[in-house]
Amino acid sequence: MKSESLGVLVAFIGVCAVSSDGLLVKLAAQEDASVAAILFFKSISGFIVVSLIILAEATIRVGPRIWCGKVWRSLTRMGLIHLLVAGTTNFVVLAGFTLAFQYTTSANVLSFTALSPIWASLLTRPVLGEAVPPRTIVANVLALLGSAIVVVGISLAGDQGEHELSESIVGTVIAVFTGFGAAGIAVTMRSAASRAPDTPMIIGMLLGLVLSALLGLGIYPDLHPDGADFVPEWRGLRWVILNGGVCMAITITAYTMLEASFLVSAELTLIMQMEGLLGPLSVYAALNEVPLTTTLTGGALILTTVMTHEGFSLKANSARTTEDPSAVKVQSVPKAVEEAEDISKANLSNVPTAVDAAEAPPEAII
């Protein structure tokens, strides 16, 4: 299978995994699992599984000791900065999704988190020094219009009480910040690929999981029912473990893999927008959660805008690559150099040294 085809397959697996986040959070909440418990056990289970994946990969490739040595040598000042930023932004995304799904509908949440590619495009100017194309400015205007439609619809919903309306607005605000966090992850990955290419960014993802678990403990006194056990019953805990230990672990591993190799950013972002469609559909199918008409209208405008924007971005990147063949698979160069060095070392190990030749008997040399 070609690397591009493998990348598309892994991206689809990742988006299917992450799109179930809202459904699993709501299923756990229905079984009386508090938001504090959901966030803590989701993060802990994800941390354990991702750590095991890293350990398995290190053992298979070079061995844990050699891998740890390579990681330690790669932790330059620039590498540490990227790891800290990646951990912080991943923490915002993990905590934001969990909290937002608790307070508002999946359609509302995913309508605003779908804005992350637009925010990422705006961040590329100050962070990566890339100019913002006119299509991004137009896309921002249309996406903000879609967001306004969703917010107005929430505010004018007549069947919501004052408490429900307040919670829905809180969930929407959290979703906006979650979109910023997702944009921060994407830009940080791109920056690390050029400024700290040897830094294992999946370590930053682990840091985000740890911070999310600590937040779960921090909000425990305020957001956990009085007298209830912190560990949910198995009926609710199973959904949390499935979410963190399977879905989130797959998403983090796939996303880190793809950013490092198979797909360019525009392709990956375009595929990941399917979450905005699959997430609400899964919640509707399982829980019959019907979004507002304005949410569907505004969300459709946002998704259409983002997918059109990313489609044009992908086309522009393809045209640029065609004009400059040296730009093809820039991210794979460090990996290719490393493989070439390994081959050279293997070949040299088969060549007798001068000392070996001197110690060998004359007939052996002949």
Foldseek 3Di string as FASTA:
>chain_A
DDLQVVLLVLLLLLLVLQLCLLVLLVQLVVLVAWLLLLLQLLLVLLLVQLVVVVQVVCCVPPRPVVVVVLQVVLPDVVLVVLLQLLLVLLLLQSSLVSLLSVQAPPLLLLLQLLCLVLLLLVVCCVQVVDDRDPLSVVLVVLLVVLNVLQLVCLVPDPVDDPVSSVSNVVSNVSSNSSSPSVSSNLNSLVNCLPPRVSHQNLSSSSSSSVVSNVVSVVCCVPGHDPPDDNNRPPSSSVSSSCSRNPSVNSNSVSVSVSSQFRDDPLVSSLSSSCSSVSNNVVCCVPPVDDDDPSSVVSSVSSSVSSNVSSVVVVVVVVVVCVVPVVPPGPSCVVVVVVVVVVVVVVVVVPDDDPVRLVPDDPVVND
